[in-house]
Amino acid sequence: MSSKKYGQSLHLQPRSSRNLSLALFLLHGMALVVATNLTVPGWLSIVLSIAVLANFYTTFTVHVLGRGKYALLSMVWSDEGDWTLINGHRQELKASLLPSSYVHTHLVVLNFHIQEGGRRTAILLRDSLDSKTFRDLLVRMRLEAG
């Protein structure tokens, strides 16, 4: 990507998403109902329920509350195409966007490969960013894919 193609950096500072919160409650709630109604031994049902609750806690803490080293508080997509991420511990991470990222008009999932090692994911719904920034992200992601 050249700076002529995009012109300026895109700064993303996601906020807590009410829609993501509701989706997590709904999906994990349904998983708990299934786990408790399976025809398996009681101990296995308890283990599955604990796994669902642990996953809910982790996902909610990282993607909704923005806490922990896996949370992404800020992302900057430079005009050259480089990404700089700020995690929940206020550390700056250099990253590259993975092709497994997903773009839809209401949902963007950004999968990153961290240069120092590891991966991070940002789940962005329309209410995670202001409407102009979300629109700019959609346009740039589609141009990048094309």
Protein backbone atom coordinates (compact mmCIF):
# COMPACT_ATOMS: atom_id res chain seq x y z
CA MET A 1 0.00 0.00 0.00
CA SER A 2 1.23 3.40 -0.80
CA SER A 3 0.41 6.61 0.97
CA LYS A 4 -1.14 7.88 -2.30
CA LYS A 5 -3.75 5.14 -2.12
CA TYR A 6 -5.09 5.96 1.35
CA GLY A 7 -3.76 9.40 2.21
CA GLN A 8 -3.88 9.20 6.00
CA SER A 9 -3.75 6.89 8.97
CA LEU A 10 -6.93 5.37 10.36
CA HIS A 11 -7.19 5.57 14.16
CA LEU A 12 -9.53 3.08 15.83
CA GLN A 13 -10.40 3.44 19.50
CA PRO A 14 -13.24 1.01 20.10
CA ARG A 15 -15.66 1.54 22.95
CA SER A 16 -17.76 -1.05 24.75
CA SER A 17 -20.37 -2.47 22.42
CA ARG A 18 -23.83 -2.99 23.83
CA ASN A 19 -24.70 -5.24 20.88
CA LEU A 20 -21.65 -7.43 21.47
CA SER A 21 -22.54 -7.69 25.17
CA LEU A 22 -26.07 -8.84 24.32
CA ALA A 23 -24.79 -11.33 21.75
CA LEU A 24 -22.31 -12.81 24.24
CA PHE A 25 -25.00 -13.13 26.93
CA LEU A 26 -27.40 -14.75 24.50
CA LEU A 27 -24.94 -17.20 22.94
CA HIS A 28 -23.33 -18.26 26.20
CA GLY A 29 -26.74 -18.49 27.87
CA MET A 30 -27.93 -20.87 25.16
CA ALA A 31 -24.72 -22.90 25.52
CA LEU A 32 -25.36 -23.19 29.28
CA VAL A 33 -28.92 -24.41 28.64
CA VAL A 34 -27.59 -27.05 26.26
CA ALA A 35 -24.76 -28.08 28.63
CA THR A 36 -27.14 -28.56 31.55
CA ASN A 37 -29.72 -30.52 29.51
CA LEU A 38 -27.40 -33.02 27.88
CA THR A 39 -27.91 -36.68 28.67
CA VAL A 40 -24.43 -37.10 30.11
CA PRO A 41 -23.22 -37.77 33.65
CA GLY A 42 -23.77 -34.86 36.04
CA TRP A 43 -20.06 -34.21 36.51
CA LEU A 44 -19.58 -33.78 32.76
CA SER A 45 -22.47 -31.33 32.60
CA ILE A 46 -20.84 -29.32 35.40
CA VAL A 47 -17.45 -29.33 33.62
CA LEU A 48 -19.06 -28.14 30.37
CA SER A 49 -20.97 -25.41 32.23
CA ILE A 50 -17.77 -24.20 33.90
CA ALA A 51 -16.03 -24.13 30.50
CA VAL A 52 -18.86 -22.04 29.01
CA LEU A 53 -18.79 -19.61 31.96
CA ALA A 54 -14.99 -19.31 31.79
CA ASN A 55 -15.18 -18.57 28.06
CA PHE A 56 -17.87 -15.96 28.64
CA TYR A 57 -15.82 -14.25 31.34
CA THR A 58 -12.69 -14.17 29.19
CA THR A 59 -14.44 -12.98 26.05
CA PHE A 60 -16.49 -10.34 27.88
CA THR A 61 -13.46 -9.04 29.78
CA VAL A 62 -11.27 -8.75 26.67
CA HIS A 63 -13.70 -7.65 23.95
CA VAL A 64 -16.30 -5.66 25.88
CA LEU A 65 -14.50 -4.27 28.93
CA GLY A 66 -11.10 -3.96 27.24
CA ARG A 67 -9.07 -5.38 30.11
CA GLY A 68 -6.00 -7.57 30.06
CA LYS A 69 -3.04 -8.00 27.75
CA TYR A 70 -5.19 -9.49 24.97
CA ALA A 71 -7.56 -6.51 24.83
CA LEU A 72 -6.98 -3.96 22.08
CA LEU A 73 -7.66 -0.41 23.27
CA SER A 74 -6.36 1.38 20.21
CA MET A 75 -5.37 0.45 16.67
CA VAL A 76 -3.69 2.64 14.09
CA TRP A 77 -3.61 1.62 10.45
CA SER A 78 -0.90 3.76 8.88
CA ASP A 79 -1.10 5.06 5.35
CA GLU A 80 1.67 2.58 4.44
CA GLY A 81 -0.48 -0.33 5.66
CA ASP A 82 1.32 -1.02 8.95
CA TRP A 83 -0.67 -1.59 12.15
CA THR A 84 0.22 -0.35 15.63
CA LEU A 85 -1.85 -1.76 18.48
CA ILE A 86 -2.16 -0.67 22.11
CA ASN A 87 -3.19 -3.49 24.42
CA GLY A 88 -4.92 -3.43 27.80
CA HIS A 89 -1.55 -3.14 29.59
CA ARG A 90 -0.79 0.00 27.52
CA GLN A 91 1.95 -1.77 25.54
CA GLU A 92 2.55 -0.82 21.91
CA LEU A 93 2.56 -3.77 19.52
CA LYS A 94 3.55 -3.79 15.86
CA ALA A 95 1.29 -6.08 13.88
CA SER A 96 0.15 -7.17 10.45
CA LEU A 97 -3.42 -7.89 9.44
CA LEU A 98 -4.13 -11.53 8.64
CA PRO A 99 -6.20 -12.56 5.60
CA SER A 100 -8.58 -14.41 7.94
CA SER A 101 -10.09 -11.07 8.98
CA TYR A 102 -13.82 -10.68 8.30
CA VAL A 103 -15.68 -7.66 6.94
CA HIS A 104 -19.45 -7.18 6.89
CA THR A 105 -21.58 -4.05 6.96
CA HIS A 106 -22.41 -4.59 10.66
CA LEU A 107 -19.38 -6.54 11.88
CA VAL A 108 -15.62 -6.40 11.37
CA VAL A 109 -13.30 -8.98 12.89
CA LEU A 110 -9.66 -7.98 12.65
CA ASN A 111 -7.16 -10.80 13.15
CA PHE A 112 -3.59 -9.65 13.74
CA HIS A 113 -0.22 -11.34 13.79
CA ILE A 114 2.02 -9.63 16.36
CA GLN A 115 5.63 -9.17 15.24
CA GLU A 116 6.96 -10.18 18.66
CA GLY A 117 4.89 -13.35 18.42
CA GLY A 118 1.28 -14.23 19.03
CA ARG A 119 -2.08 -13.21 17.66
CA ARG A 120 -4.77 -10.73 18.66
CA THR A 121 -8.35 -10.25 17.53
CA ALA A 122 -10.56 -7.16 17.57
CA ILE A 123 -14.33 -7.62 17.25
CA LEU A 124 -15.93 -4.40 16.06
CA LEU A 125 -19.67 -3.92 15.69
CA ARG A 126 -21.29 -0.75 14.39
CA ASP A 127 -21.69 0.59 17.93
CA SER A 128 -18.00 -0.03 18.75
CA LEU A 129 -16.86 3.00 16.72
CA ASP A 130 -18.38 6.27 15.63
CA SER A 131 -20.22 5.92 12.32
CA LYS A 132 -17.65 7.80 10.20
CA THR A 133 -14.71 5.77 11.51
CA PHE A 134 -16.61 2.50 11.02
CA ARG A 135 -17.49 3.52 7.46
CA ASP A 136 -13.87 4.52 6.74
CA LEU A 137 -12.70 1.15 8.05
CA LEU A 138 -15.19 -0.74 5.86
CA VAL A 139 -14.14 1.20 2.76
CA ARG A 140 -10.44 0.74 3.39
CA MET A 141 -10.83 -2.97 4.19
CA ARG A 142 -12.76 -3.51 0.96
CA LEU A 143 -10.19 -1.58 -1.06
CA GLU A 144 -7.43 -3.63 0.54
CA ALA A 145 -9.22 -6.90 -0.28
CA GLY A 146 -9.82 -5.79 -3.88
